[in-house]
């Protein structure tokens, strides 16, 4: 019974260790990625800082670096919490193994003591001959044989338990050393984070002093964003109008076929009625055909599993971002990449439009009712009307020559409304 409990205990211990290893490995992998991204951002910031020019990218990159460092500290804290739990678990295991080992040794000592007192052949024979009958003598003989085998098994259990105990003590010591190293790393990261926040404050102060230049720069950025947004909205409106006309034609043909059977005259819809249909159905008209409805559903089903359009670091998220008294709305996310990085379609669909604006390209790909949009490209390898597959290359990221930053913008729209892409990509 005790052996069975010991086996169950070992099985649970192995399961816990396996789960801990998997979780610990995932945290370490994420921490390595964060370290790599922080180093990339530092190199980009150094280039911008050397230019001595007023730049929103200075604060964006520094904000991203601060966010990543805070995430790294959070990851370290998670590792420490896991190690604390593991240390407690290992300490309990060591105590349990030690208790079990002590019991095994005590039992083995009693067996050795008994065997020593009855070790002679004479005593064994007397034990056998003292039996009342042949069956009892046979049972006593089996008992003597089993006692010897049990002693050997008990000795083996003691040895295996000692090996496991030694290993667990080693793991416990290693966990304690790893925790100590993580605590030192945590202290170091907090110091650097403090320096980054001081630098952030200095940059903001500098931007405040150069208020007029900042306002001009922000006005320029806002106009560029507004022009691009208007171009995207215009392209999507055309798609909605085109689909409305197709839907109206399908309805007309269906009505004509019905009229042919019933010999009724079906009046054509007026322009006003068509406009009402567009306003009433909105973007849902984009999924009115079976094929588009299927593609929309498939694209929506891939939410949270789409690969990023380009390998890099997200430097600005979706939504409003405030610079002093000016607020800029980002309808997507900005991804900082290596110069000339390849941009790929996140999902299969048809190229709705390719726009050239502010010396860069924007590609709009339709997925039924949804659109994925890729901006700030230096070149493109697709054209309007072309079918593309998921992960197919569609162009390369442009580099802002005035600041030396290579960054693209990625957006997802549902009909004529932008949605946060962060929840869609891995």
Protein backbone atom coordinates (compact mmCIF):
# COMPACT_ATOMS: atom_id res chain seq x y z
CA UNK A 1 0.00 0.00 0.00
CA UNK A 2 2.83 2.36 0.93
CA UNK A 3 4.63 1.47 -2.30
CA UNK A 4 1.47 2.30 -4.31
CA UNK A 5 1.20 5.69 -2.58
CA UNK A 6 4.85 6.34 -3.32
CA UNK A 7 4.37 5.49 -7.03
CA UNK A 8 1.32 7.81 -7.23
CA UNK A 9 3.33 10.57 -5.52
CA UNK A 10 6.16 10.19 -8.06
CA UNK A 11 3.67 10.28 -10.98
CA UNK A 12 2.13 13.52 -9.66
CA UNK A 13 5.58 14.98 -9.14
CA UNK A 14 6.55 14.21 -12.75
CA UNK A 15 3.30 15.77 -14.04
CA UNK A 16 3.84 18.96 -12.01
CA UNK A 17 7.45 19.21 -13.17
CA UNK A 18 6.39 18.80 -16.80
CA UNK A 19 3.73 21.54 -16.53
CA UNK A 20 6.20 23.85 -14.79
CA UNK A 21 8.83 23.26 -17.51
CA UNK A 22 6.35 24.11 -20.29
CA UNK A 23 5.15 27.32 -18.59
CA UNK A 24 8.67 28.36 -17.66
CA UNK A 25 9.88 27.75 -21.21
CA UNK A 26 7.07 29.95 -22.63
CA UNK A 27 7.95 32.80 -20.25
CA UNK A 28 11.66 32.57 -21.07
CA UNK A 29 10.88 32.55 -24.79
CA UNK A 30 8.70 35.68 -24.45
CA UNK A 31 11.43 37.38 -22.41
CA UNK A 32 14.00 36.62 -25.13
CA UNK A 33 11.69 38.16 -27.74
CA UNK A 34 11.23 41.29 -25.58
CA UNK A 35 15.01 41.62 -25.13
CA UNK A 36 15.52 41.41 -28.88
CA UNK A 37 12.81 44.01 -29.56
CA UNK A 38 14.26 46.40 -26.96
CA UNK A 39 17.71 46.17 -28.58
CA UNK A 40 16.20 46.89 -32.01
CA UNK A 41 14.37 49.92 -30.65
CA UNK A 42 17.52 51.24 -28.98
CA UNK A 43 19.38 51.13 -32.32
CA UNK A 44 16.56 52.98 -34.08
CA UNK A 45 16.38 55.58 -31.31
CA UNK A 46 20.13 56.17 -31.48
CA UNK A 47 19.83 56.98 -35.20
CA UNK A 48 16.96 59.42 -34.58
CA UNK A 49 18.67 61.05 -31.57
CA UNK A 50 21.83 61.67 -33.61
CA UNK A 51 19.82 63.63 -36.19
CA UNK A 52 18.85 66.18 -33.47
CA UNK A 53 15.56 66.76 -35.31
CA UNK A 54 12.17 67.15 -33.69
CA UNK A 55 10.40 63.82 -34.21
CA UNK A 56 7.24 62.13 -32.97
CA UNK A 57 9.06 58.86 -33.60
CA UNK A 58 11.40 59.76 -30.75
CA UNK A 59 8.59 59.65 -28.23
CA UNK A 60 6.77 56.74 -29.97
CA UNK A 61 9.86 54.52 -29.92
CA UNK A 62 10.69 55.48 -26.34
CA UNK A 63 7.09 54.83 -25.26
CA UNK A 64 7.27 51.42 -26.94
CA UNK A 65 10.59 50.69 -25.23
CA UNK A 66 9.08 51.62 -21.85
CA UNK A 67 6.05 49.42 -22.56
CA UNK A 68 8.29 46.47 -23.50
CA UNK A 69 10.47 46.95 -20.44
CA UNK A 70 7.38 47.01 -18.21
CA UNK A 71 6.19 43.83 -19.93
CA UNK A 72 9.60 42.26 -19.31
CA UNK A 73 9.40 43.14 -15.59
CA UNK A 74 5.89 41.63 -15.52
CA UNK A 75 7.26 38.48 -17.20
CA UNK A 76 10.09 38.29 -14.64
CA UNK A 77 7.54 38.64 -11.83
CA UNK A 78 5.54 35.77 -13.36
CA UNK A 79 8.71 33.64 -13.47
CA UNK A 80 9.46 34.47 -9.84
CA UNK A 81 5.91 33.56 -8.79
CA UNK A 82 6.19 30.25 -10.64
CA UNK A 83 9.56 29.56 -9.02
CA UNK A 84 8.17 30.40 -5.58
CA UNK A 85 5.39 27.90 -6.16
CA UNK A 86 7.89 25.36 -7.47
CA UNK A 87 10.24 25.89 -4.52
CA UNK A 88 7.35 25.32 -2.09
CA UNK A 89 6.33 22.21 -4.04
CA UNK A 90 9.91 20.91 -4.18
CA UNK A 91 10.44 21.58 -0.47
CA UNK A 92 7.30 19.54 0.27
CA UNK A 93 8.54 16.78 -2.04
CA UNK A 94 11.95 16.72 -0.38
CA UNK A 95 10.38 16.49 3.08
CA UNK A 96 8.03 13.73 1.93
CA UNK A 97 10.87 11.80 0.32
CA UNK A 98 13.03 12.24 3.41
CA UNK A 99 10.19 11.00 5.66
CA UNK A 100 9.60 8.03 3.38
CA UNK A 101 13.31 7.29 3.30
CA UNK A 102 13.53 7.37 7.10
CA UNK A 103 10.61 4.93 7.34
CA UNK A 104 12.17 2.61 4.78
CA UNK A 105 15.47 2.66 6.65
CA UNK A 106 13.76 2.00 10.00
CA UNK A 107 11.84 -0.97 8.57
CA UNK A 108 14.96 -2.28 6.88
CA UNK A 109 16.91 -1.99 10.15
CA UNK A 110 14.27 -4.09 11.95
CA UNK A 111 14.40 -6.72 9.19
CA UNK A 112 18.21 -6.87 9.36
CA UNK A 113 18.08 -7.13 13.12
CA UNK A 114 15.57 -9.97 12.92
CA UNK A 115 17.57 -11.69 10.19
CA UNK A 116 20.76 -11.38 12.25
CA UNK A 117 19.14 -13.04 15.26
CA UNK A 118 17.88 -15.85 13.07
CA UNK A 119 20.66 -16.04 10.54
CA UNK A 120 21.97 -19.49 11.35
CA UNK A 121 20.85 -22.58 9.42
CA UNK A 122 20.12 -24.24 12.79
CA UNK A 123 17.55 -21.60 13.72
CA UNK A 124 15.90 -21.85 10.30
CA UNK A 125 15.67 -25.64 10.58
CA UNK A 126 14.29 -25.41 14.10
CA UNK A 127 11.69 -22.89 12.80
CA UNK A 128 10.69 -25.38 10.10
CA UNK A 129 10.71 -28.53 12.29
CA UNK A 130 8.61 -26.76 14.90
CA UNK A 131 5.71 -26.77 12.42
CA UNK A 132 2.65 -28.83 13.36
CA UNK A 133 2.29 -30.40 9.91
CA UNK A 134 3.73 -30.45 6.42
CA UNK A 135 1.56 -27.56 5.14
CA UNK A 136 2.66 -25.30 7.97
CA UNK A 137 6.27 -26.24 7.36
CA UNK A 138 5.85 -25.38 3.67
CA UNK A 139 4.29 -22.00 4.52
CA UNK A 140 7.17 -21.26 6.91
CA UNK A 141 9.67 -22.10 4.18
CA UNK A 142 7.90 -19.71 1.78
CA UNK A 143 7.93 -17.04 4.51
CA UNK A 144 11.72 -17.38 4.92
CA UNK A 145 12.20 -17.07 1.14
CA UNK A 146 9.84 -14.07 0.85
CA UNK A 147 11.48 -12.34 3.81
CA UNK A 148 14.82 -12.51 2.00
CA UNK A 149 13.30 -11.20 -1.23
CA UNK A 150 11.49 -8.40 0.64
CA UNK A 151 14.74 -7.29 2.27
CA UNK A 152 16.37 -7.05 -1.16
CA UNK A 153 13.37 -5.11 -2.51
CA UNK A 154 13.42 -2.79 0.50
CA UNK A 155 17.12 -2.13 -0.02
CA UNK A 156 16.41 -1.34 -3.68
CA UNK A 157 13.59 1.06 -2.65
CA UNK A 158 15.95 2.83 -0.28
CA UNK A 159 18.55 3.28 -3.03
CA UNK A 160 16.02 4.60 -5.59
CA UNK A 161 14.48 6.95 -3.03
CA UNK A 162 17.94 8.29 -2.15
CA UNK A 163 18.63 8.94 -5.86
CA UNK A 164 15.31 10.78 -6.32
CA UNK A 165 15.85 12.73 -3.10
CA UNK A 166 19.32 13.82 -4.21
CA UNK A 167 17.94 14.90 -7.57
CA UNK A 168 15.07 16.90 -6.00
CA UNK A 169 17.46 18.65 -3.61
CA UNK A 170 19.61 19.57 -6.63
CA UNK A 171 16.55 20.92 -8.50
CA UNK A 172 15.51 22.88 -5.40
CA UNK A 173 18.96 24.47 -5.12
CA UNK A 174 18.90 25.32 -8.83
CA UNK A 175 15.45 26.94 -8.48
CA UNK A 176 16.68 29.06 -5.59
CA UNK A 177 19.71 30.21 -7.62
CA UNK A 178 17.46 30.98 -10.61
CA UNK A 179 15.12 33.00 -8.39
CA UNK A 180 18.07 34.98 -7.02
CA UNK A 181 19.23 35.70 -10.60
CA UNK A 182 15.72 36.81 -11.61
CA UNK A 183 15.49 39.14 -8.62
CA UNK A 184 18.79 40.77 -9.67
CA UNK A 185 17.50 41.06 -13.25
CA UNK A 186 14.29 42.62 -11.96
CA UNK A 187 16.21 45.25 -9.97
CA UNK A 188 18.36 46.05 -13.02
CA UNK A 189 15.32 46.41 -15.31
CA UNK A 190 13.57 48.72 -12.85
CA UNK A 191 16.64 50.99 -12.78
CA UNK A 192 16.77 51.16 -16.58
CA UNK A 193 13.00 51.74 -16.70
CA UNK A 194 13.45 54.69 -14.36
CA UNK A 195 16.11 56.16 -16.67
CA UNK A 196 13.85 55.67 -19.71
CA UNK A 197 11.02 57.52 -17.97
CA UNK A 198 13.38 60.41 -17.09
CA UNK A 199 14.42 60.58 -20.74
CA UNK A 200 10.76 60.44 -21.78
CA UNK A 201 10.06 63.44 -19.54
CA UNK A 202 13.00 65.36 -21.05
CA UNK A 203 11.80 64.70 -24.62
CA UNK A 204 8.28 65.82 -23.71
CA UNK A 205 9.75 68.99 -22.19
CA UNK A 206 11.74 69.60 -25.39
CA UNK A 207 8.63 69.09 -27.50
CA UNK A 208 6.74 71.55 -25.31
CA UNK A 209 9.44 74.19 -25.76
CA UNK A 210 9.26 73.71 -29.52
CA UNK A 211 5.48 74.10 -29.51
CA UNK A 212 5.17 75.84 -32.87
CA UNK A 213 7.30 73.25 -34.67
CA UNK A 214 5.36 70.51 -32.95
CA UNK A 215 2.01 71.97 -34.02
CA UNK A 216 3.20 72.17 -37.64
CA UNK A 217 4.44 68.59 -37.51
CA UNK A 218 1.20 67.36 -35.96
CA UNK A 219 -0.87 69.29 -38.50
CA UNK A 220 1.12 67.65 -41.29
CA UNK A 221 0.65 64.18 -39.79
CA UNK A 222 -3.06 64.80 -39.29
CA UNK A 223 -3.51 65.91 -42.91
CA UNK A 224 -1.62 62.88 -44.22
CA UNK A 225 -3.72 60.58 -42.04
CA UNK A 226 -6.93 62.33 -43.05
CA UNK A 227 -6.09 62.15 -46.78
CA UNK A 228 -5.33 58.44 -46.51
CA UNK A 229 -8.46 57.81 -44.46
CA UNK A 230 -10.61 59.63 -47.04
CA UNK A 231 -9.03 57.62 -49.86
CA UNK A 232 -9.73 54.36 -48.00
CA UNK A 233 -13.33 55.35 -47.24
CA UNK A 234 -13.85 56.34 -50.88
CA UNK A 235 -12.55 52.95 -52.09
CA UNK A 236 -14.81 51.08 -49.65
CA UNK A 237 -17.85 53.18 -50.61
CA UNK A 238 -17.26 52.23 -54.24
CA UNK A 239 -17.16 48.55 -53.22
CA UNK A 240 -20.45 48.96 -51.33
CA UNK A 241 -22.09 50.73 -54.30
CA UNK A 242 -20.83 48.09 -56.71
CA UNK A 243 -22.18 45.28 -54.50
CA UNK A 244 -25.48 47.10 -54.12
CA UNK A 245 -25.81 47.28 -57.90
CA UNK A 246 -25.00 43.58 -58.18
CA UNK A 247 -27.57 42.75 -55.48
CA UNK A 248 -30.17 44.92 -57.20
CA UNK A 249 -29.45 43.16 -60.50
CA UNK A 250 -29.80 39.75 -58.84
CA UNK A 251 -33.14 40.86 -57.38
CA UNK A 252 -34.28 42.20 -60.75
CA UNK A 253 -33.39 38.96 -62.54
CA UNK A 254 -35.12 36.91 -59.85
CA UNK A 255 -38.21 39.14 -60.12
CA UNK A 256 -38.14 38.90 -63.93
CA UNK A 257 -37.99 35.11 -63.72
CA UNK A 258 -40.91 35.14 -61.30
CA UNK A 259 -42.84 37.55 -63.53
CA UNK A 260 -42.28 35.31 -66.50
CA UNK A 261 -43.91 32.47 -64.61
CA UNK A 262 -46.77 34.57 -63.21
CA UNK A 263 -46.97 36.94 -66.22
CA UNK A 264 -46.78 39.94 -63.89
CA UNK A 265 -44.94 43.18 -64.65
CA UNK A 266 -42.24 44.07 -62.13
CA UNK A 267 -41.41 47.81 -62.01
CA UNK A 268 -37.74 48.85 -61.84
CA UNK A 269 -36.47 50.35 -58.59
CA UNK A 270 -35.94 54.09 -58.58
CA UNK A 271 -32.58 55.72 -57.82
CA UNK A 272 -33.97 56.99 -54.51
CA UNK A 273 -35.00 53.44 -53.52
CA UNK A 274 -31.52 52.16 -54.39
CA UNK A 275 -29.91 54.83 -52.21
CA UNK A 276 -32.24 53.85 -49.35
CA UNK A 277 -31.17 50.21 -49.72
CA UNK A 278 -27.48 51.23 -49.47
CA UNK A 279 -28.05 53.28 -46.35
CA UNK A 280 -30.21 50.59 -44.77
CA UNK A 281 -27.92 47.65 -45.47
CA UNK A 282 -24.62 49.49 -45.10
CA UNK A 283 -21.58 47.24 -45.18
CA UNK A 284 -23.70 44.07 -44.83
CA UNK A 285 -24.33 44.33 -48.56
CA UNK A 286 -20.67 43.30 -48.98
CA UNK A 287 -21.61 39.84 -47.69
CA UNK A 288 -24.90 39.51 -49.58
CA UNK A 289 -23.67 36.85 -52.02
CA UNK A 290 -23.05 33.28 -50.77
CA UNK A 291 -19.36 33.46 -51.72
CA UNK A 292 -18.79 36.78 -49.89
CA UNK A 293 -20.79 35.61 -46.89
CA UNK A 294 -18.62 32.49 -46.66
CA UNK A 295 -15.39 34.53 -46.98
CA UNK A 296 -16.58 37.01 -44.32
CA UNK A 297 -17.37 34.18 -41.91
CA UNK A 298 -14.03 32.50 -42.61
CA UNK A 299 -12.08 35.73 -42.06
CA UNK A 300 -13.96 36.43 -38.82
CA UNK A 301 -13.26 32.86 -37.70
CA UNK A 302 -9.53 33.51 -38.09
CA UNK A 303 -9.59 36.35 -35.58
CA UNK A 304 -6.71 36.02 -33.13
CA UNK A 305 -4.84 33.60 -35.40
CA UNK A 306 -3.67 35.87 -38.25
CA UNK A 307 0.08 36.34 -38.72
CA UNK A 308 1.43 39.89 -38.63
CA UNK A 309 1.72 41.36 -42.17
CA UNK A 310 5.42 42.08 -41.54
CA UNK A 311 8.00 40.96 -39.02
CA UNK A 312 8.61 43.73 -36.51
CA UNK A 313 7.61 45.59 -33.37
CA UNK A 314 4.25 47.29 -32.80
CA UNK A 315 5.22 50.86 -31.95
CA UNK A 316 1.77 52.43 -31.82
CA UNK A 317 -1.59 50.85 -31.15
CA UNK A 318 -5.12 51.47 -32.35
CA UNK A 319 -7.02 54.50 -31.06
CA UNK A 320 -6.31 58.01 -29.84
CA UNK A 321 -2.80 59.22 -28.99
CA UNK A 322 -2.23 62.57 -27.31
CA UNK A 323 0.78 64.84 -27.89
CA UNK A 324 0.50 67.86 -25.63
CA UNK A 325 -2.83 69.45 -26.58
CA UNK A 326 -3.21 67.61 -29.89
CA UNK A 327 -4.84 64.18 -30.24
CA UNK A 328 -4.22 61.94 -33.24
CA UNK A 329 -6.40 58.93 -34.02
CA UNK A 330 -4.67 55.83 -35.36
CA UNK A 331 -7.17 53.62 -37.24
CA UNK A 332 -4.71 50.72 -37.16
CA UNK A 333 -1.37 49.69 -35.68
CA UNK A 334 2.15 50.78 -36.66
CA UNK A 335 4.78 48.08 -37.10
CA UNK A 336 8.47 48.99 -37.12
CA UNK A 337 10.44 46.66 -39.39
CA UNK A 338 13.88 46.20 -40.87
CA UNK A 339 14.52 48.29 -44.04
CA UNK A 340 12.88 46.74 -47.10
CA UNK A 341 10.94 44.18 -45.04
CA UNK A 342 8.44 42.10 -47.00
CA UNK A 343 4.72 42.75 -46.43
CA UNK A 344 2.34 39.80 -46.79
CA UNK A 345 -1.43 39.48 -47.02
CA UNK A 346 -2.82 38.29 -43.69
CA UNK A 347 -5.64 36.38 -45.42
CA UNK A 348 -6.79 35.36 -48.87
CA UNK A 349 -8.98 37.79 -50.82
CA UNK A 350 -9.15 40.20 -53.75
CA UNK A 351 -7.18 43.44 -54.10
CA UNK A 352 -9.79 46.17 -53.97
CA UNK A 353 -7.49 49.12 -54.68
CA UNK A 354 -3.88 50.25 -54.72
CA UNK A 355 -3.45 53.88 -53.62
CA UNK A 356 -0.35 56.05 -54.12
CA UNK A 357 -0.35 58.87 -51.59
CA UNK A 358 2.38 60.87 -49.77
CA UNK A 359 5.08 59.06 -51.79
CA UNK A 360 4.05 55.63 -50.51
CA UNK A 361 1.60 52.91 -51.52
CA UNK A 362 -1.44 51.54 -49.72
CA UNK A 363 -2.96 48.17 -50.64
CA UNK A 364 -6.59 47.39 -49.76
CA UNK A 365 -7.59 43.70 -49.83
CA UNK A 366 -11.22 42.68 -49.49
CA UNK A 367 -12.33 39.59 -47.54
CA UNK A 368 -16.09 39.65 -48.04
CA UNK A 369 -17.42 42.24 -45.60
CA UNK A 370 -13.93 42.92 -44.21
CA UNK A 371 -10.88 44.77 -45.56
CA UNK A 372 -7.23 44.45 -44.56
CA UNK A 373 -5.19 47.58 -45.35
CA UNK A 374 -1.40 47.87 -45.69
CA UNK A 375 0.07 51.40 -45.78
CA UNK A 376 3.52 53.04 -46.07
CA UNK A 377 4.86 50.64 -48.70
CA UNK A 378 7.71 51.66 -50.99
CA UNK A 379 6.57 49.30 -53.75
CA UNK A 380 3.81 46.80 -54.46
CA UNK A 381 3.64 43.55 -56.40
CA UNK A 382 -0.16 43.32 -56.79
CA UNK A 383 -2.84 45.27 -58.64
CA UNK A 384 -6.55 46.02 -58.24
CA UNK A 385 -8.79 43.06 -59.03
CA UNK A 386 -6.05 40.50 -58.36
CA UNK A 387 -6.78 37.47 -56.17
CA UNK A 388 -4.18 36.93 -53.43
CA UNK A 389 -3.50 34.08 -51.04
CA UNK A 390 -2.74 34.24 -47.30
CA UNK A 391 0.96 35.01 -46.63
CA UNK A 392 1.47 36.08 -50.26
CA UNK A 393 3.96 38.93 -50.66
CA UNK A 394 2.28 42.16 -51.75
CA UNK A 395 5.16 44.67 -51.39
CA UNK A 396 7.89 46.07 -49.16
CA UNK A 397 7.93 48.61 -46.31
CA UNK A 398 9.08 52.14 -47.08
CA UNK A 399 11.71 54.00 -45.03
CA UNK A 400 11.09 57.59 -43.96
CA UNK A 401 14.28 59.21 -45.26
CA UNK A 402 13.92 62.28 -43.05
CA UNK A 403 13.93 60.18 -39.86
CA UNK A 404 15.46 56.90 -40.99
CA UNK A 405 12.52 54.88 -39.63
CA UNK A 406 11.07 51.91 -41.50
CA UNK A 407 7.47 51.51 -40.39
CA UNK A 408 4.22 50.31 -41.93
CA UNK A 409 0.63 50.76 -40.85
CA UNK A 410 -1.83 47.88 -40.78
CA UNK A 411 -5.60 48.32 -40.54
CA UNK A 412 -8.70 46.12 -40.55
CA UNK A 413 -12.08 47.56 -41.50
CA UNK A 414 -15.52 46.01 -41.22
CA UNK A 415 -17.34 47.70 -44.04
CA UNK A 416 -16.76 51.43 -43.59
CA UNK A 417 -15.60 51.20 -39.95
CA UNK A 418 -12.03 50.57 -38.74
CA UNK A 419 -11.62 47.94 -35.97
CA UNK A 420 -8.69 47.27 -33.65
CA UNK A 421 -6.32 44.86 -35.47
CA UNK A 422 -4.50 43.89 -32.25
CA UNK A 423 -7.13 41.32 -31.39
CA UNK A 424 -6.84 39.75 -34.83
CA UNK A 425 -3.13 39.03 -35.14
CA UNK A 426 -0.78 36.79 -33.17
